[in-house]
N, C-alpha and C. Protein backbone atom coordinates (compact mmCIF):
# COMPACT_ATOMS: atom_id res chain seq x y z
N MET A 1 -20.78 -1.94 -13.71
CA MET A 1 -20.40 -3.33 -13.86
C MET A 1 -18.88 -3.41 -13.97
N SER A 2 -18.27 -4.35 -13.29
CA SER A 2 -16.83 -4.54 -13.36
C SER A 2 -16.43 -5.30 -14.61
N VAL A 3 -15.48 -4.76 -15.30
CA VAL A 3 -14.96 -5.43 -16.49
C VAL A 3 -14.27 -6.74 -16.08
N LEU A 4 -13.70 -6.75 -14.88
CA LEU A 4 -12.93 -7.90 -14.43
C LEU A 4 -13.79 -9.10 -14.09
N SER A 5 -14.96 -8.86 -13.52
CA SER A 5 -15.74 -9.98 -13.01
C SER A 5 -17.02 -10.25 -13.78
N GLY A 6 -17.49 -9.26 -14.54
CA GLY A 6 -18.77 -9.43 -15.20
C GLY A 6 -19.93 -9.33 -14.23
N LYS A 7 -19.65 -8.97 -12.98
CA LYS A 7 -20.67 -8.82 -11.95
C LYS A 7 -20.68 -7.37 -11.50
N LYS A 8 -21.78 -6.96 -10.94
CA LYS A 8 -21.90 -5.57 -10.51
C LYS A 8 -20.95 -5.25 -9.35
N ASN A 9 -20.85 -6.13 -8.37
CA ASN A 9 -20.01 -5.87 -7.19
C ASN A 9 -19.69 -7.20 -6.52
N ILE A 10 -18.44 -7.66 -6.67
CA ILE A 10 -18.10 -8.96 -6.10
C ILE A 10 -17.75 -8.86 -4.63
N SER A 11 -17.85 -7.67 -4.03
CA SER A 11 -17.68 -7.55 -2.59
C SER A 11 -18.99 -7.86 -1.87
N ASN A 12 -20.07 -8.07 -2.62
CA ASN A 12 -21.35 -8.42 -1.99
C ASN A 12 -21.21 -9.73 -1.23
N GLY A 13 -22.12 -9.98 -0.33
CA GLY A 13 -22.04 -11.19 0.48
C GLY A 13 -21.51 -10.89 1.86
N VAL A 14 -21.06 -9.66 2.07
CA VAL A 14 -20.66 -9.20 3.39
C VAL A 14 -21.47 -7.93 3.65
N ASN A 15 -21.51 -7.51 4.91
CA ASN A 15 -22.34 -6.38 5.29
C ASN A 15 -21.74 -5.02 4.93
N ARG A 16 -20.51 -5.02 4.47
CA ARG A 16 -19.86 -3.77 4.07
C ARG A 16 -18.79 -4.07 3.03
N LYS A 17 -18.26 -3.01 2.45
CA LYS A 17 -17.21 -3.18 1.45
C LYS A 17 -15.91 -3.64 2.11
N ILE A 18 -15.15 -4.41 1.38
CA ILE A 18 -13.81 -4.78 1.81
C ILE A 18 -12.94 -3.54 1.69
N ARG A 19 -12.19 -3.24 2.76
CA ARG A 19 -11.33 -2.04 2.78
C ARG A 19 -9.88 -2.47 2.61
N VAL A 20 -9.24 -1.93 1.56
CA VAL A 20 -7.86 -2.29 1.22
C VAL A 20 -6.98 -1.06 1.24
N LEU A 21 -5.87 -1.14 1.97
CA LEU A 21 -4.86 -0.10 1.96
C LEU A 21 -3.76 -0.53 0.99
N VAL A 22 -3.55 0.23 -0.07
CA VAL A 22 -2.48 -0.04 -1.02
C VAL A 22 -1.33 0.88 -0.67
N ALA A 23 -0.17 0.29 -0.36
CA ALA A 23 0.96 1.07 0.15
C ALA A 23 2.23 0.83 -0.68
N LYS A 24 3.01 1.89 -0.81
CA LYS A 24 4.31 1.85 -1.49
C LYS A 24 5.39 2.21 -0.48
N PRO A 25 5.96 1.21 0.18
CA PRO A 25 6.98 1.50 1.20
C PRO A 25 8.36 1.75 0.61
N GLY A 26 9.18 2.39 1.40
CA GLY A 26 10.59 2.56 1.05
C GLY A 26 10.83 3.59 -0.02
N LEU A 27 11.96 3.45 -0.68
CA LEU A 27 12.41 4.44 -1.64
C LEU A 27 11.93 4.16 -3.06
N ASP A 28 11.22 3.09 -3.25
CA ASP A 28 10.71 2.71 -4.57
C ASP A 28 9.76 3.79 -5.08
N GLY A 29 10.06 4.34 -6.25
CA GLY A 29 9.24 5.41 -6.80
C GLY A 29 8.36 4.99 -7.94
N HIS A 30 8.26 3.70 -8.19
CA HIS A 30 7.47 3.20 -9.32
C HIS A 30 6.12 2.72 -8.79
N ASP A 31 5.06 3.47 -9.09
CA ASP A 31 3.77 3.12 -8.51
C ASP A 31 2.68 2.84 -9.54
N ARG A 32 3.04 2.72 -10.81
CA ARG A 32 2.01 2.47 -11.82
C ARG A 32 1.26 1.17 -11.55
N GLY A 33 1.99 0.09 -11.27
CA GLY A 33 1.34 -1.19 -10.99
C GLY A 33 0.43 -1.13 -9.78
N ALA A 34 0.87 -0.44 -8.72
CA ALA A 34 0.05 -0.30 -7.52
C ALA A 34 -1.24 0.45 -7.84
N LYS A 35 -1.13 1.47 -8.67
CA LYS A 35 -2.32 2.24 -9.04
C LYS A 35 -3.27 1.43 -9.92
N VAL A 36 -2.72 0.60 -10.81
CA VAL A 36 -3.55 -0.26 -11.65
C VAL A 36 -4.31 -1.27 -10.78
N VAL A 37 -3.61 -1.88 -9.83
CA VAL A 37 -4.25 -2.83 -8.92
C VAL A 37 -5.30 -2.11 -8.06
N ALA A 38 -4.97 -0.93 -7.56
CA ALA A 38 -5.93 -0.17 -6.74
C ALA A 38 -7.20 0.11 -7.53
N CYS A 39 -7.06 0.48 -8.79
CA CYS A 39 -8.24 0.74 -9.63
C CYS A 39 -9.05 -0.53 -9.86
N ALA A 40 -8.37 -1.64 -10.08
CA ALA A 40 -9.08 -2.91 -10.29
C ALA A 40 -9.87 -3.31 -9.05
N LEU A 41 -9.27 -3.14 -7.88
CA LEU A 41 -9.97 -3.46 -6.63
C LEU A 41 -11.16 -2.54 -6.42
N ARG A 42 -10.98 -1.26 -6.69
CA ARG A 42 -12.08 -0.30 -6.58
C ARG A 42 -13.20 -0.66 -7.56
N ASP A 43 -12.83 -0.99 -8.80
CA ASP A 43 -13.84 -1.34 -9.80
C ASP A 43 -14.61 -2.60 -9.42
N ALA A 44 -13.98 -3.45 -8.59
CA ALA A 44 -14.64 -4.68 -8.12
C ALA A 44 -15.51 -4.42 -6.90
N GLY A 45 -15.59 -3.17 -6.46
CA GLY A 45 -16.48 -2.83 -5.36
C GLY A 45 -15.81 -2.68 -4.01
N MET A 46 -14.49 -2.75 -3.96
CA MET A 46 -13.79 -2.58 -2.69
C MET A 46 -13.52 -1.10 -2.45
N GLU A 47 -13.36 -0.76 -1.18
CA GLU A 47 -12.96 0.59 -0.83
C GLU A 47 -11.44 0.57 -0.74
N VAL A 48 -10.78 1.42 -1.52
CA VAL A 48 -9.32 1.40 -1.62
C VAL A 48 -8.76 2.73 -1.14
N ILE A 49 -7.77 2.63 -0.27
CA ILE A 49 -7.04 3.79 0.22
C ILE A 49 -5.61 3.63 -0.28
N TYR A 50 -5.13 4.62 -1.02
CA TYR A 50 -3.76 4.57 -1.55
C TYR A 50 -2.89 5.54 -0.75
N THR A 51 -1.79 5.03 -0.20
CA THR A 51 -0.95 5.85 0.69
C THR A 51 -0.03 6.81 -0.06
N GLY A 52 0.25 6.53 -1.31
CA GLY A 52 1.26 7.31 -2.01
C GLY A 52 2.63 6.69 -1.80
N LEU A 53 3.63 7.34 -2.35
CA LEU A 53 5.00 6.82 -2.34
C LEU A 53 5.74 7.07 -1.03
N HIS A 54 6.82 6.31 -0.85
CA HIS A 54 7.82 6.53 0.18
C HIS A 54 7.28 6.42 1.61
N GLN A 55 6.45 5.43 1.86
CA GLN A 55 5.88 5.22 3.18
C GLN A 55 6.80 4.36 4.04
N THR A 56 6.90 4.69 5.31
CA THR A 56 7.65 3.87 6.25
C THR A 56 6.71 2.78 6.78
N PRO A 57 7.26 1.70 7.32
CA PRO A 57 6.39 0.69 7.95
C PRO A 57 5.47 1.31 9.01
N GLU A 58 5.98 2.24 9.79
CA GLU A 58 5.17 2.89 10.83
C GLU A 58 4.00 3.67 10.21
N MET A 59 4.27 4.36 9.12
CA MET A 59 3.21 5.13 8.45
C MET A 59 2.14 4.19 7.88
N ILE A 60 2.57 3.07 7.33
CA ILE A 60 1.63 2.12 6.75
C ILE A 60 0.72 1.53 7.83
N VAL A 61 1.31 1.10 8.92
CA VAL A 61 0.51 0.50 10.00
C VAL A 61 -0.41 1.54 10.63
N GLN A 62 0.07 2.76 10.81
CA GLN A 62 -0.79 3.82 11.36
C GLN A 62 -1.97 4.10 10.42
N SER A 63 -1.72 4.11 9.12
CA SER A 63 -2.81 4.30 8.15
C SER A 63 -3.80 3.14 8.22
N ALA A 64 -3.29 1.93 8.37
CA ALA A 64 -4.16 0.75 8.47
C ALA A 64 -5.07 0.86 9.69
N ILE A 65 -4.54 1.35 10.79
CA ILE A 65 -5.33 1.52 12.01
C ILE A 65 -6.37 2.62 11.80
N GLU A 66 -5.93 3.77 11.32
CA GLU A 66 -6.82 4.92 11.14
C GLU A 66 -7.94 4.64 10.15
N GLU A 67 -7.63 3.88 9.10
CA GLU A 67 -8.62 3.61 8.06
C GLU A 67 -9.43 2.33 8.33
N ASP A 68 -9.07 1.60 9.39
CA ASP A 68 -9.78 0.37 9.77
C ASP A 68 -9.89 -0.58 8.58
N VAL A 69 -8.75 -0.91 7.98
CA VAL A 69 -8.75 -1.73 6.78
C VAL A 69 -8.79 -3.22 7.11
N ASP A 70 -9.14 -3.98 6.09
CA ASP A 70 -9.15 -5.44 6.18
C ASP A 70 -7.89 -6.04 5.57
N VAL A 71 -7.33 -5.34 4.61
CA VAL A 71 -6.15 -5.81 3.87
C VAL A 71 -5.15 -4.67 3.74
N VAL A 72 -3.88 -4.99 3.96
CA VAL A 72 -2.78 -4.09 3.62
C VAL A 72 -2.06 -4.76 2.45
N ALA A 73 -2.06 -4.08 1.30
CA ALA A 73 -1.42 -4.61 0.09
C ALA A 73 -0.24 -3.72 -0.25
N MET A 74 0.96 -4.25 -0.08
CA MET A 74 2.17 -3.46 -0.34
C MET A 74 2.75 -3.83 -1.70
N SER A 75 3.21 -2.83 -2.40
CA SER A 75 3.88 -3.01 -3.68
C SER A 75 5.35 -2.66 -3.49
N ILE A 76 6.22 -3.65 -3.73
CA ILE A 76 7.65 -3.43 -3.52
C ILE A 76 8.42 -3.93 -4.76
N LEU A 77 9.06 -2.99 -5.43
CA LEU A 77 9.86 -3.33 -6.61
C LEU A 77 11.34 -3.11 -6.36
N SER A 78 11.69 -2.65 -5.18
CA SER A 78 13.06 -2.22 -4.89
C SER A 78 13.99 -3.34 -4.43
N GLY A 79 13.44 -4.52 -4.13
CA GLY A 79 14.27 -5.60 -3.59
C GLY A 79 14.32 -5.62 -2.08
N ALA A 80 13.61 -4.72 -1.43
CA ALA A 80 13.63 -4.62 0.04
C ALA A 80 12.51 -5.42 0.69
N HIS A 81 11.92 -6.36 -0.03
CA HIS A 81 10.76 -7.11 0.47
C HIS A 81 11.06 -7.92 1.72
N MET A 82 12.28 -8.45 1.85
CA MET A 82 12.62 -9.28 3.02
C MET A 82 12.81 -8.44 4.28
N THR A 83 12.93 -7.14 4.13
CA THR A 83 12.99 -6.22 5.26
C THR A 83 11.64 -5.59 5.53
N LEU A 84 10.98 -5.11 4.47
CA LEU A 84 9.75 -4.33 4.64
C LEU A 84 8.53 -5.16 5.04
N PHE A 85 8.33 -6.32 4.41
CA PHE A 85 7.17 -7.13 4.81
C PHE A 85 7.26 -7.57 6.28
N PRO A 86 8.41 -8.11 6.74
CA PRO A 86 8.50 -8.48 8.16
C PRO A 86 8.36 -7.27 9.10
N ALA A 87 8.89 -6.13 8.70
CA ALA A 87 8.78 -4.93 9.55
C ALA A 87 7.31 -4.53 9.72
N VAL A 88 6.57 -4.51 8.62
CA VAL A 88 5.15 -4.15 8.70
C VAL A 88 4.37 -5.21 9.47
N LEU A 89 4.64 -6.49 9.21
CA LEU A 89 3.95 -7.58 9.91
C LEU A 89 4.19 -7.50 11.41
N ASN A 90 5.44 -7.26 11.81
CA ASN A 90 5.76 -7.16 13.25
C ASN A 90 5.05 -5.97 13.89
N LEU A 91 5.01 -4.84 13.20
CA LEU A 91 4.30 -3.66 13.73
C LEU A 91 2.80 -3.92 13.83
N MET A 92 2.25 -4.61 12.84
CA MET A 92 0.83 -4.95 12.88
C MET A 92 0.52 -5.78 14.11
N LYS A 93 1.36 -6.77 14.38
CA LYS A 93 1.16 -7.62 15.56
C LYS A 93 1.30 -6.80 16.84
N LYS A 94 2.31 -5.95 16.88
CA LYS A 94 2.58 -5.12 18.06
C LYS A 94 1.40 -4.18 18.35
N LYS A 95 0.76 -3.68 17.30
CA LYS A 95 -0.36 -2.74 17.44
C LYS A 95 -1.71 -3.45 17.56
N GLY A 96 -1.70 -4.79 17.55
CA GLY A 96 -2.94 -5.54 17.74
C GLY A 96 -3.81 -5.70 16.51
N LEU A 97 -3.25 -5.58 15.33
CA LEU A 97 -4.01 -5.78 14.09
C LEU A 97 -4.05 -7.26 13.76
N LYS A 98 -4.91 -7.99 14.46
CA LYS A 98 -5.00 -9.45 14.28
C LYS A 98 -5.77 -9.82 13.03
N ASN A 99 -6.85 -9.15 12.78
CA ASN A 99 -7.72 -9.50 11.66
C ASN A 99 -7.50 -8.58 10.47
N VAL A 100 -6.25 -8.46 10.08
CA VAL A 100 -5.88 -7.69 8.89
C VAL A 100 -4.86 -8.51 8.11
N LEU A 101 -5.13 -8.72 6.84
CA LEU A 101 -4.23 -9.48 5.98
C LEU A 101 -3.14 -8.57 5.45
N LEU A 102 -1.88 -9.02 5.54
CA LEU A 102 -0.76 -8.35 4.89
C LEU A 102 -0.41 -9.16 3.65
N SER A 103 -0.48 -8.52 2.52
CA SER A 103 -0.23 -9.18 1.24
C SER A 103 0.43 -8.15 0.33
N GLY A 104 0.55 -8.47 -0.94
CA GLY A 104 1.10 -7.49 -1.86
C GLY A 104 1.72 -8.11 -3.07
N GLY A 105 2.70 -7.39 -3.61
CA GLY A 105 3.34 -7.88 -4.81
C GLY A 105 4.55 -7.08 -5.18
N GLY A 106 5.15 -7.50 -6.28
CA GLY A 106 6.34 -6.84 -6.78
C GLY A 106 7.32 -7.84 -7.32
N ILE A 107 8.56 -7.43 -7.35
CA ILE A 107 9.63 -8.30 -7.83
C ILE A 107 10.13 -9.09 -6.63
N VAL A 108 9.57 -10.29 -6.44
CA VAL A 108 9.90 -11.12 -5.28
C VAL A 108 10.21 -12.53 -5.78
N PRO A 109 11.44 -13.00 -5.56
CA PRO A 109 11.78 -14.36 -5.97
C PRO A 109 10.92 -15.41 -5.25
N GLU A 110 10.66 -16.52 -5.91
CA GLU A 110 9.81 -17.58 -5.37
C GLU A 110 10.30 -18.06 -4.00
N GLU A 111 11.60 -18.18 -3.83
CA GLU A 111 12.16 -18.63 -2.54
C GLU A 111 11.80 -17.64 -1.42
N ASP A 112 11.84 -16.35 -1.72
CA ASP A 112 11.49 -15.34 -0.73
C ASP A 112 9.99 -15.33 -0.45
N ILE A 113 9.19 -15.61 -1.47
CA ILE A 113 7.74 -15.71 -1.27
C ILE A 113 7.44 -16.80 -0.26
N ARG A 114 8.11 -17.95 -0.40
CA ARG A 114 7.90 -19.05 0.55
C ARG A 114 8.32 -18.65 1.97
N LYS A 115 9.46 -17.98 2.09
CA LYS A 115 9.94 -17.55 3.42
C LYS A 115 8.97 -16.56 4.07
N LEU A 116 8.49 -15.61 3.29
CA LEU A 116 7.56 -14.61 3.82
C LEU A 116 6.22 -15.25 4.19
N SER A 117 5.79 -16.22 3.40
CA SER A 117 4.54 -16.93 3.71
C SER A 117 4.66 -17.65 5.05
N LYS A 118 5.79 -18.27 5.31
CA LYS A 118 6.00 -18.96 6.59
C LYS A 118 5.96 -18.00 7.77
N LYS A 119 6.31 -16.74 7.52
CA LYS A 119 6.29 -15.73 8.58
C LYS A 119 4.89 -15.17 8.82
N GLY A 120 3.96 -15.47 7.89
CA GLY A 120 2.60 -14.99 8.06
C GLY A 120 2.11 -13.99 7.04
N VAL A 121 2.94 -13.70 6.04
CA VAL A 121 2.52 -12.79 4.97
C VAL A 121 1.61 -13.57 4.02
N GLY A 122 0.54 -12.91 3.58
CA GLY A 122 -0.39 -13.55 2.64
C GLY A 122 0.23 -13.68 1.26
N ARG A 123 -0.59 -13.97 0.32
CA ARG A 123 -0.12 -14.22 -1.05
C ARG A 123 0.58 -12.98 -1.61
N LEU A 124 1.69 -13.23 -2.32
CA LEU A 124 2.42 -12.17 -3.00
C LEU A 124 2.32 -12.39 -4.50
N PHE A 125 1.96 -11.34 -5.20
CA PHE A 125 1.74 -11.40 -6.64
C PHE A 125 2.94 -10.81 -7.37
N THR A 126 3.37 -11.48 -8.41
CA THR A 126 4.50 -11.02 -9.21
C THR A 126 4.01 -10.41 -10.52
N PRO A 127 4.86 -9.65 -11.20
CA PRO A 127 4.44 -9.03 -12.46
C PRO A 127 3.85 -10.06 -13.42
N GLY A 128 2.78 -9.65 -14.08
CA GLY A 128 2.11 -10.52 -15.03
C GLY A 128 0.92 -11.27 -14.47
N THR A 129 0.72 -11.21 -13.16
CA THR A 129 -0.45 -11.86 -12.56
C THR A 129 -1.71 -11.16 -13.10
N PRO A 130 -2.67 -11.93 -13.59
CA PRO A 130 -3.92 -11.29 -14.07
C PRO A 130 -4.62 -10.54 -12.94
N LEU A 131 -5.15 -9.37 -13.27
CA LEU A 131 -5.86 -8.57 -12.26
C LEU A 131 -7.02 -9.35 -11.66
N SER A 132 -7.68 -10.16 -12.48
CA SER A 132 -8.82 -10.93 -11.97
C SER A 132 -8.40 -11.89 -10.86
N GLU A 133 -7.19 -12.40 -10.93
CA GLU A 133 -6.66 -13.31 -9.89
C GLU A 133 -6.41 -12.54 -8.59
N ILE A 134 -5.89 -11.35 -8.71
CA ILE A 134 -5.63 -10.51 -7.54
C ILE A 134 -6.96 -10.11 -6.89
N VAL A 135 -7.90 -9.67 -7.69
CA VAL A 135 -9.22 -9.28 -7.19
C VAL A 135 -9.90 -10.46 -6.50
N SER A 136 -9.83 -11.62 -7.11
CA SER A 136 -10.45 -12.81 -6.53
C SER A 136 -9.85 -13.14 -5.16
N TYR A 137 -8.54 -13.10 -5.07
CA TYR A 137 -7.87 -13.41 -3.79
C TYR A 137 -8.30 -12.44 -2.70
N TYR A 138 -8.28 -11.13 -2.99
CA TYR A 138 -8.65 -10.16 -1.98
C TYR A 138 -10.13 -10.22 -1.64
N THR A 139 -10.95 -10.61 -2.59
CA THR A 139 -12.38 -10.77 -2.31
C THR A 139 -12.60 -11.91 -1.33
N VAL A 140 -12.02 -13.07 -1.61
CA VAL A 140 -12.19 -14.24 -0.75
C VAL A 140 -11.61 -13.97 0.64
N GLU A 141 -10.37 -13.49 0.68
CA GLU A 141 -9.72 -13.26 1.98
C GLU A 141 -10.37 -12.11 2.74
N GLY A 142 -10.77 -11.07 2.02
CA GLY A 142 -11.44 -9.94 2.65
C GLY A 142 -12.74 -10.34 3.32
N LYS A 143 -13.52 -11.18 2.64
CA LYS A 143 -14.78 -11.66 3.22
C LYS A 143 -14.52 -12.47 4.50
N LYS A 144 -13.48 -13.28 4.49
CA LYS A 144 -13.14 -14.06 5.69
C LYS A 144 -12.78 -13.14 6.85
N ILE A 145 -12.01 -12.10 6.55
CA ILE A 145 -11.58 -11.16 7.59
C ILE A 145 -12.76 -10.41 8.16
N ILE A 146 -13.64 -9.95 7.29
CA ILE A 146 -14.84 -9.22 7.76
C ILE A 146 -15.70 -10.14 8.63
N ALA A 147 -15.85 -11.39 8.24
CA ALA A 147 -16.64 -12.34 9.03
C ALA A 147 -16.03 -12.50 10.43
N LYS A 148 -14.70 -12.59 10.51
CA LYS A 148 -14.03 -12.69 11.81
C LYS A 148 -14.27 -11.44 12.65
N LYS A 149 -14.16 -10.27 12.01
CA LYS A 149 -14.37 -9.02 12.73
C LYS A 149 -15.80 -8.89 13.24
N GLU A 150 -16.75 -9.35 12.43
CA GLU A 150 -18.16 -9.23 12.84
C GLU A 150 -18.51 -10.17 13.98
N LYS A 151 -17.76 -11.28 14.13
CA LYS A 151 -17.99 -12.19 15.25
C LYS A 151 -17.51 -11.57 16.56
N ASN A 152 -16.50 -10.70 16.48
CA ASN A 152 -15.93 -10.09 17.70
C ASN A 152 -16.66 -8.89 18.09
């Protein structure tokens, strides 16, 4: 049973588990928050792949392709969010990853969150966001993505 939801598995309602790639791009070496979020998503019934530290945009997108994920969740605390999110998003488009959500979190000013959202990046979570809110967002969006994939 998940402590976060009070339910056995909130990924139910789709034919398979939601697959989430948790990535730490760039030189940022602080991954405790990413690991906490990864554990919360796993405890909620999602399949979580953690890339480890110091990933390039190319490495992240290649992992997303190889792992056939529904969500790419990047954690960026270094201030490089305005470079790294667009770089990964552009590579995802170039490689044909249409039905994959790019989202994440970190130290991102509200103005930059709005700019990245306009470019097509999903919701970005800042420090202090309750884990249940993050899990809920990925559950809802993950189910939508899986439904789109199953139609194709």
